[in-house]
């Protein structure tokens, strides 16, 4: 195992794995699928302040698109255009990289979750990864989600639901297409459209290839994100219009 992989396991994967095992021990009556859902919700709640901040930044950036396009029209020189754009950001207290920064923070956690679901070996517990104060569940872990689907195996139904909820989440997050004109705007719209259709297909492929546990993670994460986005739009949309 490389140094980077070892550090990532110690800082990200191992704490998340211990949290998952702890939930299984604390809620022995719940099957592994329910545990994955609860576990995903807990992680999303921990990340919620950062996610809200990123969503608010996206709303704000969408609102100022017309002003930014006006700057591009007024100042044709690229250096002057960039300087005026940065001045606009400073004047209105906008950080254009806020959502990207928040995504970069969350990315290691998302990768850690994937590694857990991919290499967890459930229903067996890898005791070498457990902290000394966490012991494996006494009872055998029930891998049949709601008595219907084994999350240790593949499920095309859950994979398709994961892809569908991903599409809905992306549709809601992107919002309506802007009326901005120009080559860059056309490229941005084309990339958004491609992502909206390509990424859900990728999610279906990944979810089905690895296991139903990954599909459950995606479904829970997407439903949480959909509810979060609806809440943010309702509560912060008016505030985001004041820049």
C-alpha atoms as a PDB file:
ATOM      1  CA  UNK A   1       0.000   0.000   0.000  1.00  0.00           C
ATOM      2  CA  UNK A   2       1.432   3.396  -0.998  1.00  0.00           C
ATOM      3  CA  UNK A   3       1.995   6.210   1.466  1.00  0.00           C
ATOM      4  CA  UNK A   4      -0.831   8.290  -0.021  1.00  0.00           C
ATOM      5  CA  UNK A   5      -3.244   5.352   0.167  1.00  0.00           C
ATOM      6  CA  UNK A   6      -2.215   4.632   3.758  1.00  0.00           C
ATOM      7  CA  UNK A   7      -2.717   8.266   4.807  1.00  0.00           C
ATOM      8  CA  UNK A   8      -6.098   8.417   3.032  1.00  0.00           C
ATOM      9  CA  UNK A   9      -7.204   5.214   4.771  1.00  0.00           C
ATOM     10  CA  UNK A  10      -6.138   6.500   8.200  1.00  0.00           C
ATOM     11  CA  UNK A  11      -7.710   9.955   7.827  1.00  0.00           C
ATOM     12  CA  UNK A  12     -10.837   9.267   5.754  1.00  0.00           C
ATOM     13  CA  UNK A  13     -11.724   5.621   5.098  1.00  0.00           C
ATOM     14  CA  UNK A  14     -10.989   4.169   8.529  1.00  0.00           C
ATOM     15  CA  UNK A  15     -13.063   6.701  10.524  1.00  0.00           C
ATOM     16  CA  UNK A  16     -15.974   6.259   8.119  1.00  0.00           C
ATOM     17  CA  UNK A  17     -15.671   2.461   8.298  1.00  0.00           C
ATOM     18  CA  UNK A  18     -15.675   2.550  12.090  1.00  0.00           C
ATOM     19  CA  UNK A  19     -18.748   4.773  12.033  1.00  0.00           C
ATOM     20  CA  UNK A  20     -20.561   2.277   9.825  1.00  0.00           C
ATOM     21  CA  UNK A  21     -19.631  -0.663  12.072  1.00  0.00           C
ATOM     22  CA  UNK A  22     -20.626   1.308  15.172  1.00  0.00           C
ATOM     23  CA  UNK A  23     -24.083   1.912  13.708  1.00  0.00           C
ATOM     24  CA  UNK A  24     -24.445  -1.796  12.995  1.00  0.00           C
ATOM     25  CA  UNK A  25     -23.585  -2.537  16.617  1.00  0.00           C
ATOM     26  CA  UNK A  26     -25.895   0.162  18.051  1.00  0.00           C
ATOM     27  CA  UNK A  27     -28.869  -0.829  15.846  1.00  0.00           C
ATOM     28  CA  UNK A  28     -28.609  -4.630  15.602  1.00  0.00           C
ATOM     29  CA  UNK A  29     -32.239  -4.971  14.498  1.00  0.00           C
ATOM     30  CA  UNK A  30     -31.640  -2.920  11.328  1.00  0.00           C
ATOM     31  CA  UNK A  31     -30.496  -4.610   8.149  1.00  0.00           C
ATOM     32  CA  UNK A  32     -27.339  -3.434   6.376  1.00  0.00           C
ATOM     33  CA  UNK A  33     -29.337  -1.443   3.807  1.00  0.00           C
ATOM     34  CA  UNK A  34     -31.072   0.597   6.491  1.00  0.00           C
ATOM     35  CA  UNK A  35     -27.694   1.135   8.171  1.00  0.00           C
ATOM     36  CA  UNK A  36     -26.245   2.444   4.894  1.00  0.00           C
ATOM     37  CA  UNK A  37     -29.154   4.902   4.593  1.00  0.00           C
ATOM     38  CA  UNK A  38     -28.770   6.132   8.186  1.00  0.00           C
ATOM     39  CA  UNK A  39     -25.003   6.337   7.762  1.00  0.00           C
ATOM     40  CA  UNK A  40     -25.324   8.376   4.543  1.00  0.00           C
ATOM     41  CA  UNK A  41     -27.797  10.782   6.169  1.00  0.00           C
ATOM     42  CA  UNK A  42     -25.433  11.333   9.107  1.00  0.00           C
ATOM     43  CA  UNK A  43     -22.544  12.112   6.744  1.00  0.00           C
ATOM     44  CA  UNK A  44     -24.744  14.477   4.711  1.00  0.00           C
ATOM     45  CA  UNK A  45     -25.855  16.252   7.898  1.00  0.00           C
ATOM     46  CA  UNK A  46     -22.218  16.756   8.897  1.00  0.00           C
ATOM     47  CA  UNK A  47     -21.528  18.259   5.469  1.00  0.00           C
ATOM     48  CA  UNK A  48     -24.778  20.259   5.420  1.00  0.00           C
ATOM     49  CA  UNK A  49     -23.332  23.678   6.423  1.00  0.00           C
ATOM     50  CA  UNK A  50     -20.770  23.460   3.608  1.00  0.00           C
ATOM     51  CA  UNK A  51     -23.381  22.236   1.130  1.00  0.00           C
ATOM     52  CA  UNK A  52     -25.746  25.097   1.977  1.00  0.00           C
ATOM     53  CA  UNK A  53     -22.923  27.591   1.541  1.00  0.00           C
ATOM     54  CA  UNK A  54     -22.084  26.125  -1.876  1.00  0.00           C
ATOM     55  CA  UNK A  55     -25.730  26.145  -3.017  1.00  0.00           C
ATOM     56  CA  UNK A  56     -26.171  29.758  -1.930  1.00  0.00           C
ATOM     57  CA  UNK A  57     -23.039  30.688  -3.872  1.00  0.00           C
ATOM     58  CA  UNK A  58     -24.455  28.978  -6.977  1.00  0.00           C
ATOM     59  CA  UNK A  59     -27.718  30.906  -6.668  1.00  0.00           C
ATOM     60  CA  UNK A  60     -25.799  34.137  -6.338  1.00  0.00           C
ATOM     61  CA  UNK A  61     -23.597  33.400  -9.345  1.00  0.00           C
ATOM     62  CA  UNK A  62     -26.653  32.646 -11.503  1.00  0.00           C
ATOM     63  CA  UNK A  63     -28.231  35.963 -10.554  1.00  0.00           C
ATOM     64  CA  UNK A  64     -25.199  38.035 -11.587  1.00  0.00           C
ATOM     65  CA  UNK A  65     -24.736  36.366 -14.997  1.00  0.00           C
ATOM     66  CA  UNK A  66     -26.317  39.339 -16.805  1.00  0.00           C
ATOM     67  CA  UNK A  67     -24.000  41.777 -15.033  1.00  0.00           C
ATOM     68  CA  UNK A  68     -20.964  39.667 -15.918  1.00  0.00           C
ATOM     69  CA  UNK A  69     -22.078  39.470 -19.545  1.00  0.00           C
ATOM     70  CA  UNK A  70     -22.472  43.259 -19.556  1.00  0.00           C
ATOM     71  CA  UNK A  71     -18.867  43.594 -18.375  1.00  0.00           C
ATOM     72  CA  UNK A  72     -17.725  41.292 -21.182  1.00  0.00           C
ATOM     73  CA  UNK A  73     -19.609  43.382 -23.721  1.00  0.00           C
ATOM     74  CA  UNK A  74     -18.255  46.671 -22.390  1.00  0.00           C
ATOM     75  CA  UNK A  75     -14.626  45.644 -21.990  1.00  0.00           C
ATOM     76  CA  UNK A  76     -13.271  43.687 -24.961  1.00  0.00           C
ATOM     77  CA  UNK A  77      -9.688  43.576 -23.711  1.00  0.00           C
ATOM     78  CA  UNK A  78      -9.260  40.310 -21.787  1.00  0.00           C
ATOM     79  CA  UNK A  79      -7.035  41.780 -19.047  1.00  0.00           C
ATOM     80  CA  UNK A  80      -9.358  44.743 -18.489  1.00  0.00           C
ATOM     81  CA  UNK A  81     -12.341  42.402 -18.567  1.00  0.00           C
ATOM     82  CA  UNK A  82     -10.782  40.159 -15.893  1.00  0.00           C
ATOM     83  CA  UNK A  83      -9.863  43.160 -13.723  1.00  0.00           C
ATOM     84  CA  UNK A  84     -13.379  44.624 -13.870  1.00  0.00           C
ATOM     85  CA  UNK A  85     -14.888  41.217 -13.124  1.00  0.00           C
ATOM     86  CA  UNK A  86     -12.711  40.802 -10.022  1.00  0.00           C
ATOM     87  CA  UNK A  87     -13.640  44.342  -8.943  1.00  0.00           C
ATOM     88  CA  UNK A  88     -17.316  43.393  -9.303  1.00  0.00           C
ATOM     89  CA  UNK A  89     -16.800  40.304  -7.151  1.00  0.00           C
ATOM     90  CA  UNK A  90     -15.024  42.327  -4.445  1.00  0.00           C
ATOM     91  CA  UNK A  91     -17.620  45.099  -4.514  1.00  0.00           C
ATOM     92  CA  UNK A  92     -20.486  42.642  -3.977  1.00  0.00           C
ATOM     93  CA  UNK A  93     -18.640  40.295  -1.606  1.00  0.00           C
ATOM     94  CA  UNK A  94     -18.851  37.315  -3.964  1.00  0.00           C
ATOM     95  CA  UNK A  95     -16.455  34.375  -3.979  1.00  0.00           C
ATOM     96  CA  UNK A  96     -16.817  32.740  -7.435  1.00  0.00           C
ATOM     97  CA  UNK A  97     -14.842  29.696  -6.289  1.00  0.00           C
ATOM     98  CA  UNK A  98     -16.908  28.973  -3.151  1.00  0.00           C
ATOM     99  CA  UNK A  99     -18.875  26.074  -4.623  1.00  0.00           C
ATOM    100  CA  UNK A 100     -15.737  24.540  -6.158  1.00  0.00           C
ATOM    101  CA  UNK A 101     -13.868  24.823  -2.862  1.00  0.00           C
ATOM    102  CA  UNK A 102     -16.719  23.153  -0.981  1.00  0.00           C
ATOM    103  CA  UNK A 103     -16.814  20.349  -3.565  1.00  0.00           C
ATOM    104  CA  UNK A 104     -13.077  19.765  -3.164  1.00  0.00           C
ATOM    105  CA  UNK A 105     -13.536  19.469   0.605  1.00  0.00           C
ATOM    106  CA  UNK A 106     -16.304  16.907   0.187  1.00  0.00           C
ATOM    107  CA  UNK A 107     -14.541  14.891  -2.522  1.00  0.00           C
ATOM    108  CA  UNK A 108     -12.242  12.892  -0.165  1.00  0.00           C
ATOM    109  CA  UNK A 109     -15.250  11.941   1.965  1.00  0.00           C
ATOM    110  CA  UNK A 110     -17.183  10.758  -1.087  1.00  0.00           C
ATOM    111  CA  UNK A 111     -14.186   8.693  -2.248  1.00  0.00           C
ATOM    112  CA  UNK A 112     -13.857   7.272   1.272  1.00  0.00           C
ATOM    113  CA  UNK A 113     -17.499   6.173   1.217  1.00  0.00           C
ATOM    114  CA  UNK A 114     -17.006   4.489  -2.138  1.00  0.00           C
ATOM    115  CA  UNK A 115     -13.959   2.618  -0.838  1.00  0.00           C
ATOM    116  CA  UNK A 116     -15.967   1.429   2.150  1.00  0.00           C
ATOM    117  CA  UNK A 117     -18.813   0.094   0.031  1.00  0.00           C
ATOM    118  CA  UNK A 118     -16.430  -1.374  -2.528  1.00  0.00           C
ATOM    119  CA  UNK A 119     -14.003  -3.103  -0.132  1.00  0.00           C
ATOM    120  CA  UNK A 120     -16.047  -3.501   3.040  1.00  0.00           C
ATOM    121  CA  UNK A 121     -16.377  -7.255   2.577  1.00  0.00           C
ATOM    122  CA  UNK A 122     -19.767  -7.237   4.271  1.00  0.00           C
ATOM    123  CA  UNK A 123     -21.180  -9.174   5.983  1.00  0.00           C
ATOM    124  CA  UNK A 124     -17.659  -9.899   7.250  1.00  0.00           C
ATOM    125  CA  UNK A 125     -16.055  -7.176   9.367  1.00  0.00           C
ATOM    126  CA  UNK A 126     -12.437  -6.234   8.779  1.00  0.00           C
ATOM    127  CA  UNK A 127     -11.355  -6.074  12.429  1.00  0.00           C
ATOM    128  CA  UNK A 128      -7.897  -4.800  11.474  1.00  0.00           C
ATOM    129  CA  UNK A 129      -9.505  -1.469  10.566  1.00  0.00           C
ATOM    130  CA  UNK A 130     -11.472  -1.142  13.819  1.00  0.00           C
ATOM    131  CA  UNK A 131     -10.375   1.191  16.596  1.00  0.00           C
ATOM    132  CA  UNK A 132      -9.667  -0.467  19.942  1.00  0.00           C
ATOM    133  CA  UNK A 133     -12.856   0.955  21.461  1.00  0.00           C
ATOM    134  CA  UNK A 134     -15.126  -0.372  18.690  1.00  0.00           C
ATOM    135  CA  UNK A 135     -16.009  -4.044  18.543  1.00  0.00           C
ATOM    136  CA  UNK A 136     -17.801  -5.833  15.697  1.00  0.00           C
ATOM    137  CA  UNK A 137     -21.534  -6.578  16.018  1.00  0.00           C
ATOM    138  CA  UNK A 138     -22.319  -9.734  17.975  1.00  0.00           C
ATOM    139  CA  UNK A 139     -25.084 -10.820  15.604  1.00  0.00           C
ATOM    140  CA  UNK A 140     -24.651 -11.762  11.966  1.00  0.00           C
ATOM    141  CA  UNK A 141     -25.349  -8.746   9.752  1.00  0.00           C
ATOM    142  CA  UNK A 142     -28.560  -9.027   7.748  1.00  0.00           C
ATOM    143  CA  UNK A 143     -27.634  -8.065   4.171  1.00  0.00           C
ATOM    144  CA  UNK A 144     -31.206  -8.222   2.788  1.00  0.00           C
ATOM    145  CA  UNK A 145     -32.562  -4.672   2.511  1.00  0.00           C
ATOM    146  CA  UNK A 146     -36.184  -4.621   3.731  1.00  0.00           C
ATOM    147  CA  UNK A 147     -36.312  -8.339   3.050  1.00  0.00           C
ATOM    148  CA  UNK A 148     -36.198  -7.679  -0.702  1.00  0.00           C
ATOM    149  CA  UNK A 149     -32.704  -6.978  -2.034  1.00  0.00           C
ATOM    150  CA  UNK A 150     -29.249  -8.149  -0.987  1.00  0.00           C
ATOM    151  CA  UNK A 151     -27.036  -5.070  -0.857  1.00  0.00           C
ATOM    152  CA  UNK A 152     -23.959  -7.290  -1.135  1.00  0.00           C
ATOM    153  CA  UNK A 153     -24.954  -8.197  -4.690  1.00  0.00           C
ATOM    154  CA  UNK A 154     -25.977  -6.213  -7.756  1.00  0.00           C
ATOM    155  CA  UNK A 155     -29.439  -4.703  -8.194  1.00  0.00           C
ATOM    156  CA  UNK A 156     -30.415  -3.181 -11.529  1.00  0.00           C
ATOM    157  CA  UNK A 157     -33.593  -1.751  -9.981  1.00  0.00           C
ATOM    158  CA  UNK A 158     -31.715   0.198  -7.302  1.00  0.00           C
ATOM    159  CA  UNK A 159     -29.082   1.218  -9.869  1.00  0.00           C
ATOM    160  CA  UNK A 160     -31.756   2.674 -12.174  1.00  0.00           C
ATOM    161  CA  UNK A 161     -33.408   4.497  -9.246  1.00  0.00           C
ATOM    162  CA  UNK A 162     -29.976   5.910  -8.349  1.00  0.00           C
ATOM    163  CA  UNK A 163     -29.582   7.198 -11.914  1.00  0.00           C
ATOM    164  CA  UNK A 164     -33.097   8.660 -11.976  1.00  0.00           C
ATOM    165  CA  UNK A 165     -32.649  10.530  -8.687  1.00  0.00           C
ATOM    166  CA  UNK A 166     -29.277  11.792  -9.939  1.00  0.00           C
ATOM    167  CA  UNK A 167     -30.992  13.222 -13.032  1.00  0.00           C
ATOM    168  CA  UNK A 168     -33.647  14.945 -10.901  1.00  0.00           C
ATOM    169  CA  UNK A 169     -31.001  16.339  -8.550  1.00  0.00           C
ATOM    170  CA  UNK A 170     -28.925  17.725 -11.434  1.00  0.00           C
ATOM    171  CA  UNK A 171     -32.024  19.178 -13.096  1.00  0.00           C
ATOM    172  CA  UNK A 172     -32.950  20.989  -9.897  1.00  0.00           C
ATOM    173  CA  UNK A 173     -29.404  22.146  -9.169  1.00  0.00           C
ATOM    174  CA  UNK A 174     -28.828  23.535 -12.674  1.00  0.00           C
ATOM    175  CA  UNK A 175     -32.142  25.322 -12.802  1.00  0.00           C
ATOM    176  CA  UNK A 176     -33.505  26.923 -15.999  1.00  0.00           C
ATOM    177  CA  UNK A 177     -31.157  27.615 -18.896  1.00  0.00           C
ATOM    178  CA  UNK A 178     -29.927  31.195 -19.036  1.00  0.00           C
ATOM    179  CA  UNK A 179     -30.517  33.472 -22.034  1.00  0.00           C
ATOM    180  CA  UNK A 180     -26.888  34.536 -22.158  1.00  0.00           C
ATOM    181  CA  UNK A 181     -25.393  34.644 -25.651  1.00  0.00           C
ATOM    182  CA  UNK A 182     -21.952  33.998 -27.029  1.00  0.00           C
ATOM    183  CA  UNK A 183     -19.608  31.104 -27.634  1.00  0.00           C
ATOM    184  CA  UNK A 184     -18.728  30.599 -23.964  1.00  0.00           C
ATOM    185  CA  UNK A 185     -22.392  30.612 -22.941  1.00  0.00           C
ATOM    186  CA  UNK A 186     -23.212  28.078 -25.684  1.00  0.00           C
ATOM    187  CA  UNK A 187     -20.355  25.823 -24.522  1.00  0.00           C
ATOM    188  CA  UNK A 188     -21.504  26.089 -20.890  1.00  0.00           C
ATOM    189  CA  UNK A 189     -25.076  25.148 -21.836  1.00  0.00           C
ATOM    190  CA  UNK A 190     -23.850  22.218 -23.934  1.00  0.00           C
ATOM    191  CA  UNK A 191     -21.682  20.955 -21.063  1.00  0.00           C
ATOM    192  CA  UNK A 192     -24.594  21.248 -18.626  1.00  0.00           C
ATOM    193  CA  UNK A 193     -26.852  19.284 -20.953  1.00  0.00           C
ATOM    194  CA  UNK A 194     -24.237  16.573 -21.492  1.00  0.00           C
ATOM    195  CA  UNK A 195     -23.585  16.291 -17.757  1.00  0.00           C
ATOM    196  CA  UNK A 196     -27.300  16.091 -17.001  1.00  0.00           C
ATOM    197  CA  UNK A 197     -27.672  13.022 -19.206  1.00  0.00           C
ATOM    198  CA  UNK A 198     -24.213  11.445 -19.055  1.00  0.00           C
ATOM    199  CA  UNK A 199     -23.672  11.521 -15.286  1.00  0.00           C
ATOM    200  CA  UNK A 200     -26.902   9.644 -14.359  1.00  0.00           C
ATOM    201  CA  UNK A 201     -25.905   6.918 -16.834  1.00  0.00           C
ATOM    202  CA  UNK A 202     -22.466   6.763 -15.205  1.00  0.00           C
ATOM    203  CA  UNK A 203     -24.109   6.479 -11.781  1.00  0.00           C
ATOM    204  CA  UNK A 204     -26.256   3.566 -12.985  1.00  0.00           C
ATOM    205  CA  UNK A 205     -23.153   1.821 -14.340  1.00  0.00           C
ATOM    206  CA  UNK A 206     -21.105   2.354 -11.149  1.00  0.00           C
ATOM    207  CA  UNK A 207     -23.979   1.435  -8.837  1.00  0.00           C
ATOM    208  CA  UNK A 208     -24.697  -1.791 -10.707  1.00  0.00           C
ATOM    209  CA  UNK A 209     -21.037  -2.726 -11.171  1.00  0.00           C
ATOM    210  CA  UNK A 210     -20.032  -2.427  -7.510  1.00  0.00           C
ATOM    211  CA  UNK A 211     -23.047  -3.396  -5.366  1.00  0.00           C
ATOM    212  CA  UNK A 212     -26.523  -2.402  -4.264  1.00  0.00           C
ATOM    213  CA  UNK A 213     -24.900  -0.691  -1.249  1.00  0.00           C
ATOM    214  CA  UNK A 214     -23.468   1.948  -3.580  1.00  0.00           C
ATOM    215  CA  UNK A 215     -26.867   2.366  -5.246  1.00  0.00           C
ATOM    216  CA  UNK A 216     -28.475   2.907  -1.834  1.00  0.00           C
ATOM    217  CA  UNK A 217     -25.803   5.483  -1.008  1.00  0.00           C
ATOM    218  CA  UNK A 218     -26.514   7.377  -4.242  1.00  0.00           C
ATOM    219  CA  UNK A 219     -30.293   7.230  -3.804  1.00  0.00           C
ATOM    220  CA  UNK A 220     -30.129   8.475  -0.213  1.00  0.00           C
ATOM    221  CA  UNK A 221     -27.582  11.156  -1.079  1.00  0.00           C
ATOM    222  CA  UNK A 222     -29.628  12.365  -4.057  1.00  0.00           C
ATOM    223  CA  UNK A 223     -32.932  12.489  -2.159  1.00  0.00           C
ATOM    224  CA  UNK A 224     -31.183  14.408   0.622  1.00  0.00           C
ATOM    225  CA  UNK A 225     -29.710  16.821  -1.956  1.00  0.00           C
ATOM    226  CA  UNK A 226     -33.094  17.306  -3.657  1.00  0.00           C
ATOM    227  CA  UNK A 227     -34.763  18.201  -0.346  1.00  0.00           C
ATOM    228  CA  UNK A 228     -31.815  20.428   0.563  1.00  0.00           C
ATOM    229  CA  UNK A 229     -31.924  22.266  -2.779  1.00  0.00           C
ATOM    230  CA  UNK A 230     -35.679  22.836  -2.527  1.00  0.00           C
ATOM    231  CA  UNK A 231     -35.253  24.194   1.001  1.00  0.00           C
ATOM    232  CA  UNK A 232     -32.398  26.510   0.001  1.00  0.00           C
ATOM    233  CA  UNK A 233     -34.279  27.848  -3.007  1.00  0.00           C
ATOM    234  CA  UNK A 234     -37.317  28.595  -0.865  1.00  0.00           C
ATOM    235  CA  UNK A 235     -35.415  30.178   2.029  1.00  0.00           C
ATOM    236  CA  UNK A 236     -32.443  31.881   0.378  1.00  0.00           C
ATOM    237  CA  UNK A 237     -33.535  32.679  -3.165  1.00  0.00           C
ATOM    238  CA  UNK A 238     -34.888  36.134  -2.302  1.00  0.00           C
ATOM    239  CA  UNK A 239     -31.825  36.938  -0.242  1.00  0.00           C
ATOM    240  CA  UNK A 240     -29.553  35.877  -3.100  1.00  0.00           C
ATOM    241  CA  UNK A 241     -31.166  38.466  -5.334  1.00  0.00           C
ATOM    242  CA  UNK A 242     -29.719  41.241  -3.212  1.00  0.00           C
ATOM    243  CA  UNK A 243     -26.140  41.639  -4.371  1.00  0.00           C
END
